[in-house]
Amino acid sequence: MLDTSGSRGILKAAAAIDAGLCDVAVLGGGMAGSFRAGGSVGPGVQPLEFTDVWGAYVMPLFALIAARHMHEFGTTAEQLAIAAATIRNNGHVNPEAMMYDKGPYTADDVLASPMLASPLHRLMMCLSGEGGAALVLTSVERAKDLPHMPVRVLGGGMDFAGAPYVSPPQYREVGRLGELAARQAFSMAGVEVTDVDVFNFYDPNSFEIIRQVETMGLCAEGEGGSFVADGNIALDGRYPVNPDGGCLSYAWNGTQQMTLKAVECVRQLRGTAVNQIPNARLAVSANAGSAAGHYEIAILGTD
């Protein structure tokens, strides 16, 4: 399922179409039946034999990277909370989101929620939900005959740091994960990160948003907390992030949350999104992050 999800699936399908191996490709999938009362849901790879035995479920592994970033650069719990409140409030006004009409949230509300994996509070973590997502890809020539405005795959990249969830991650190894993939993607697309109108980042927790604005090059390493706190990722900010509410509020549905990121990009570029960013012409769909050990990015555009 992971190989057919989100940006990774888009890049593989686009390569197959470009090589003449097929004319039309469908990617995506779904998740159901993975829930139990009072439990957490794994990352789409069950079981995690190398970490489950120590009780290190997914979120504490991400928390290790967040804690180190806070120690190294002075990132604050309030900045993590602002990132969470910003994206959750996008979902609060999105009728499709699982957390529709459940807010709005303030940073204080987020910090008042229970601490689950220090420094991550409950409202800083993603929301699991059953469901699916899918995309159809075809050639530019074929797309011209279809009723909807074509959205083009302009560039992409992948970055890996070993098998996911095998051992506790360390910031020096995965803190900049995605930087190489972003550099490759923007070079291929022939655009700059500052040209992008809307970003759909993987948000298993709010810290990963702070980490990704740094690795994308929107700000320097260590400045992500203040970048977010200054309102840059809000719907009316310079670089809107996860307008649909992301995994924090819309849904995390197994590996297909990666595909949901691309779906929101397409909606934004076609002008059909709920929280529509005006005149969006260039969008980034990015998947996974530090503790997962892999990162994929696709740049989508209307030109």
Protein backbone atom coordinates (compact mmCIF):
# COMPACT_ATOMS: atom_id res chain seq x y z
CA MET A 1 0.00 0.00 0.00
CA LEU A 2 2.83 2.41 0.78
CA ASP A 3 4.31 2.13 -2.70
CA THR A 4 1.01 3.17 -4.29
CA SER A 5 0.32 6.05 -1.91
CA GLY A 6 0.65 9.79 -2.25
CA SER A 7 3.72 11.38 -3.77
CA ARG A 8 5.59 8.09 -4.06
CA GLY A 9 2.75 6.55 -6.03
CA ILE A 10 2.40 9.67 -8.18
CA LEU A 11 6.07 9.64 -9.14
CA LYS A 12 6.03 5.93 -9.97
CA ALA A 13 2.84 6.22 -12.01
CA ALA A 14 4.09 9.30 -13.85
CA ALA A 15 7.34 7.52 -14.68
CA ALA A 16 5.46 4.50 -16.01
CA ILE A 17 3.22 6.67 -18.22
CA ASP A 18 6.19 8.70 -19.46
CA ALA A 19 8.04 5.49 -20.34
CA GLY A 20 5.09 4.23 -22.35
CA LEU A 21 4.40 1.31 -20.01
CA CYS A 22 0.76 2.35 -19.58
CA ASP A 23 -1.67 5.09 -20.56
CA VAL A 24 -3.71 5.40 -17.36
CA ALA A 25 -2.76 4.61 -13.76
CA VAL A 26 -4.86 4.56 -10.59
CA LEU A 27 -3.16 4.86 -7.22
CA GLY A 28 -4.48 4.83 -3.70
CA GLY A 29 -6.29 2.54 -1.29
CA GLY A 30 -7.98 2.60 2.09
CA MET A 31 -7.94 1.50 5.71
CA ALA A 32 -10.63 -0.06 7.89
CA GLY A 33 -10.82 -2.32 10.90
CA SER A 34 -7.57 -1.18 12.53
CA PHE A 35 -9.15 0.46 15.56
CA ARG A 36 -9.79 -0.66 19.09
CA ALA A 37 -11.08 1.16 22.15
CA GLY A 38 -8.38 3.03 24.03
CA GLY A 39 -5.63 2.07 21.61
CA SER A 40 -3.47 3.72 19.00
CA VAL A 41 -3.13 2.89 15.34
CA GLY A 42 0.19 1.92 13.79
CA PRO A 43 1.81 3.47 10.72
CA GLY A 44 0.27 1.12 8.17
CA VAL A 45 3.01 -1.48 8.77
CA GLN A 46 1.89 -4.05 11.34
CA PRO A 47 3.42 -5.17 13.60
CA LEU A 48 6.48 -3.01 14.34
CA GLU A 49 8.52 -5.92 15.58
CA PHE A 50 11.64 -3.95 16.47
CA THR A 51 9.93 -1.24 18.54
CA ASP A 52 6.61 -2.68 19.76
CA VAL A 53 8.48 -4.90 22.20
CA TRP A 54 9.77 -1.80 24.01
CA GLY A 55 6.42 -0.02 23.96
CA ALA A 56 7.77 2.60 21.58
CA TYR A 57 4.73 3.16 19.41
CA VAL A 58 4.96 5.65 16.57
CA MET A 59 4.30 8.95 18.31
CA PRO A 60 7.03 8.69 21.00
CA LEU A 61 9.53 8.07 18.20
CA PHE A 62 8.51 11.34 16.55
CA ALA A 63 8.59 12.98 19.98
CA LEU A 64 12.30 12.18 20.29
CA ILE A 65 13.07 14.36 17.26
CA ALA A 66 10.84 17.16 18.52
CA ALA A 67 12.51 17.13 21.93
CA ARG A 68 15.97 17.31 20.40
CA HIS A 69 14.99 20.20 18.15
CA MET A 70 13.66 22.08 21.18
CA HIS A 71 16.92 21.43 23.02
CA GLU A 72 19.15 22.41 20.09
CA PHE A 73 17.31 25.49 18.84
CA GLY A 74 15.04 26.71 21.61
CA THR A 75 11.82 25.75 19.85
CA THR A 76 9.00 26.16 22.36
CA ALA A 77 5.93 24.17 23.31
CA GLU A 78 3.85 27.24 22.47
CA GLN A 79 5.20 27.22 18.90
CA LEU A 80 4.24 23.55 18.56
CA ALA A 81 0.80 24.46 19.88
CA ILE A 82 0.38 27.34 17.42
CA ALA A 83 1.18 24.99 14.53
CA ALA A 84 -1.40 22.51 15.83
CA ALA A 85 -4.11 25.14 16.39
CA THR A 86 -3.54 26.65 12.93
CA ILE A 87 -4.08 23.38 11.08
CA ARG A 88 -6.83 22.09 13.36
CA ASN A 89 -8.77 25.30 12.80
CA ASN A 90 -8.55 24.70 9.04
CA GLY A 91 -10.40 21.44 9.66
CA HIS A 92 -12.83 23.13 12.05
CA VAL A 93 -14.41 24.93 9.07
CA ASN A 94 -14.12 22.03 6.59
CA PRO A 95 -17.37 19.98 6.47
CA GLU A 96 -15.45 16.93 5.22
CA ALA A 97 -13.05 16.91 8.18
CA MET A 98 -13.51 14.56 11.12
CA MET A 99 -13.02 17.54 13.44
CA TYR A 100 -15.45 19.79 11.61
CA ASP A 101 -17.04 22.28 14.01
CA LYS A 102 -15.03 20.88 16.94
CA GLY A 103 -13.02 24.09 17.44
CA PRO A 104 -11.80 26.67 17.09
CA TYR A 105 -8.66 26.01 19.11
CA THR A 106 -6.15 28.34 20.68
CA ALA A 107 -2.56 27.50 21.53
CA ASP A 108 -3.64 27.45 25.18
CA ASP A 109 -6.31 24.85 24.36
CA VAL A 110 -3.67 22.65 22.76
CA LEU A 111 -1.29 22.99 25.70
CA ALA A 112 -4.12 22.19 28.13
CA SER A 113 -4.75 18.82 26.47
CA PRO A 114 -3.09 15.77 28.06
CA MET A 115 0.60 15.14 27.49
CA LEU A 116 0.90 11.82 25.67
CA ALA A 117 4.53 11.67 24.49
CA SER A 118 6.60 14.55 25.77
CA PRO A 119 6.73 17.20 24.35
CA LEU A 120 3.61 16.26 22.35
CA HIS A 121 0.15 16.89 23.76
CA ARG A 122 -2.92 15.08 22.48
CA LEU A 123 -4.09 18.01 20.35
CA MET A 124 -0.65 18.13 18.72
CA MET A 125 -1.17 14.61 17.33
CA CYS A 126 -2.99 13.33 14.26
CA LEU A 127 -6.48 11.88 14.23
CA SER A 128 -7.06 8.36 12.94
CA GLY A 129 -10.04 7.58 10.77
CA GLU A 130 -11.19 4.81 8.49
CA GLY A 131 -11.43 5.72 4.84
CA GLY A 132 -9.65 5.82 1.51
CA ALA A 133 -8.31 8.01 -1.24
CA ALA A 134 -7.39 7.58 -4.91
CA LEU A 135 -6.01 9.49 -7.88
CA VAL A 136 -6.10 8.86 -11.62
CA LEU A 137 -3.06 9.75 -13.73
CA THR A 138 -2.75 9.84 -17.49
CA SER A 139 -0.69 11.54 -20.17
CA VAL A 140 -0.93 15.27 -20.85
CA GLU A 141 -2.27 14.51 -24.33
CA ARG A 142 -5.05 12.27 -22.98
CA ALA A 143 -5.89 14.71 -20.18
CA LYS A 144 -6.68 17.44 -22.70
CA ASP A 145 -9.72 15.44 -23.81
CA LEU A 146 -11.11 15.08 -20.29
CA PRO A 147 -13.74 17.35 -18.66
CA HIS A 148 -11.61 18.55 -15.71
CA MET A 149 -8.75 21.00 -15.82
CA PRO A 150 -5.48 19.00 -16.03
CA VAL A 151 -3.06 19.18 -13.12
CA ARG A 152 0.51 18.38 -14.14
CA VAL A 153 3.23 16.54 -12.24
CA LEU A 154 6.11 18.98 -12.58
CA GLY A 155 8.76 17.39 -10.40
CA GLY A 156 9.45 15.10 -7.49
CA GLY A 157 12.03 13.51 -5.26
CA MET A 158 12.55 10.86 -2.59
CA ASP A 159 14.83 10.70 0.44
CA PHE A 160 15.45 7.68 2.67
CA ALA A 161 17.22 7.14 5.99
CA GLY A 162 16.81 3.40 6.49
CA ALA A 163 13.87 1.15 7.31
CA PRO A 164 10.99 2.86 9.14
CA TYR A 165 10.49 2.37 12.85
CA VAL A 166 13.34 -0.08 13.35
CA SER A 167 15.25 1.83 16.00
CA PRO A 168 14.79 5.10 17.90
CA PRO A 169 15.49 7.96 15.49
CA GLN A 170 18.21 10.52 16.16
CA TYR A 171 18.04 14.12 15.01
CA ARG A 172 21.54 14.07 13.53
CA GLU A 173 20.39 11.30 11.18
CA VAL A 174 16.81 12.28 10.30
CA GLY A 175 16.37 15.88 11.38
CA ARG A 176 16.93 17.14 7.83
CA LEU A 177 15.16 14.27 6.12
CA GLY A 178 13.40 15.57 3.02
CA GLU A 179 15.91 18.29 2.23
CA LEU A 180 17.48 16.26 -0.58
CA ALA A 181 14.08 15.24 -1.97
CA ALA A 182 12.94 18.87 -2.02
CA ARG A 183 16.11 20.00 -3.76
CA GLN A 184 15.63 17.35 -6.43
CA ALA A 185 11.95 18.16 -6.89
CA PHE A 186 12.34 21.91 -7.27
CA SER A 187 15.28 21.50 -9.63
CA MET A 188 13.23 19.13 -11.82
CA ALA A 189 10.21 21.46 -11.80
CA GLY A 190 12.31 24.53 -12.52
CA VAL A 191 10.69 26.56 -9.74
CA GLU A 192 11.66 27.89 -6.32
CA VAL A 193 10.04 26.97 -3.03
CA THR A 194 8.95 30.60 -2.68
CA ASP A 195 6.89 30.19 -5.87
CA VAL A 196 4.60 27.62 -4.23
CA ASP A 197 1.07 28.77 -3.40
CA VAL A 198 0.01 25.97 -1.06
CA PHE A 199 1.77 23.18 0.85
CA ASN A 200 0.27 19.89 1.99
CA PHE A 201 2.76 18.44 4.48
CA TYR A 202 2.55 15.22 6.45
CA ASP A 203 1.42 16.22 9.94
CA PRO A 204 1.45 13.18 12.25
CA ASN A 205 2.16 15.84 14.84
CA SER A 206 2.54 19.59 14.79
CA PHE A 207 6.32 19.52 15.24
CA GLU A 208 6.76 17.87 11.85
CA ILE A 209 5.29 21.00 10.28
CA ILE A 210 8.00 23.08 11.95
CA ARG A 211 10.66 20.63 10.77
CA GLN A 212 9.41 20.59 7.20
CA VAL A 213 9.24 24.36 6.69
CA GLU A 214 12.94 24.25 7.54
CA THR A 215 13.89 21.35 5.26
CA MET A 216 11.86 22.85 2.39
CA GLY A 217 13.99 25.98 2.67
CA LEU A 218 11.21 28.35 3.71
CA CYS A 219 13.36 29.32 6.68
CA ALA A 220 16.71 28.37 8.18
CA GLU A 221 17.25 25.36 10.44
CA GLY A 222 16.11 26.19 13.94
CA GLU A 223 13.82 29.03 12.80
CA GLY A 224 10.74 26.92 12.03
CA GLY A 225 9.06 27.62 15.36
CA SER A 226 9.14 31.37 14.98
CA PHE A 227 8.24 31.06 11.28
CA VAL A 228 5.05 29.22 12.19
CA ALA A 229 4.27 31.49 15.15
CA ASP A 230 4.45 34.52 12.86
CA GLY A 231 1.42 33.26 10.92
CA ASN A 232 3.20 32.19 7.74
CA ILE A 233 1.38 28.85 7.45
CA ALA A 234 -2.14 30.16 8.10
CA LEU A 235 -4.78 30.29 5.37
CA ASP A 236 -4.06 33.99 4.94
CA GLY A 237 -0.32 33.57 5.45
CA ARG A 238 2.42 33.70 2.86
CA TYR A 239 2.76 29.89 2.68
CA PRO A 240 -0.55 28.19 3.63
CA VAL A 241 -0.12 24.63 4.95
CA ASN A 242 -2.76 21.88 4.99
CA PRO A 243 -5.85 23.99 4.23
CA ASP A 244 -8.13 20.95 4.57
CA GLY A 245 -7.08 20.36 8.19
CA GLY A 246 -4.45 17.73 7.46
CA CYS A 247 -3.95 14.61 9.54
CA LEU A 248 -4.46 16.73 12.66
CA SER A 249 -8.09 17.46 11.86
CA TYR A 250 -9.20 16.09 8.48
CA ALA A 251 -8.05 12.48 8.90
CA TRP A 252 -5.15 10.08 9.08
CA ASN A 253 -6.38 6.99 7.20
CA GLY A 254 -3.35 4.75 7.15
CA THR A 255 -0.88 5.20 4.33
CA GLN A 256 -3.61 6.83 2.24
CA GLN A 257 -3.27 10.02 4.26
CA MET A 258 -0.38 10.48 1.81
CA THR A 259 -2.85 10.36 -1.08
CA LEU A 260 -5.16 12.82 0.69
CA LYS A 261 -2.34 15.36 0.55
CA ALA A 262 -2.27 15.10 -3.23
CA VAL A 263 -6.07 15.20 -3.47
CA GLU A 264 -6.08 18.52 -1.60
CA CYS A 265 -3.37 19.85 -3.92
CA VAL A 266 -5.51 19.00 -6.96
CA ARG A 267 -8.58 20.61 -5.44
CA GLN A 268 -6.64 23.77 -4.64
CA LEU A 269 -5.24 23.99 -8.16
CA ARG A 270 -8.69 23.45 -9.70
CA GLY A 271 -10.29 26.01 -7.41
CA THR A 272 -12.67 23.51 -5.79
CA ALA A 273 -11.23 23.29 -2.26
CA VAL A 274 -13.22 24.19 0.84
CA ASN A 275 -10.56 26.53 2.19
CA GLN A 276 -9.54 27.74 -1.24
CA ILE A 277 -6.26 29.63 -1.53
CA PRO A 278 -6.82 32.42 -4.09
CA ASN A 279 -5.17 31.95 -7.48
CA ALA A 280 -3.32 28.76 -6.51
CA ARG A 281 -1.19 27.60 -9.44
CA LEU A 282 1.60 25.61 -7.76
CA ALA A 283 1.24 23.08 -4.93
CA VAL A 284 3.47 20.71 -2.97
CA SER A 285 2.36 17.29 -1.73
CA ALA A 286 4.81 15.76 0.76
CA ASN A 287 4.72 12.50 2.69
CA ALA A 288 6.18 10.98 5.84
CA GLY A 289 8.95 12.42 7.95
CA SER A 290 11.66 12.05 10.53
CA ALA A 291 10.72 8.98 12.58
CA ALA A 292 9.36 7.20 9.49
CA GLY A 293 12.78 7.35 7.84
CA HIS A 294 11.47 8.25 4.38
CA TYR A 295 10.21 11.34 2.58
CA GLU A 296 8.58 11.86 -0.80
CA ILE A 297 7.57 15.09 -2.49
CA ALA A 298 5.62 15.88 -5.66
CA ILE A 299 5.23 19.34 -7.15
CA LEU A 300 1.94 19.81 -8.97
CA GLY A 301 0.92 22.72 -11.16
CA THR A 302 -1.56 24.02 -13.69
CA ASP A 303 1.01 25.18 -16.26
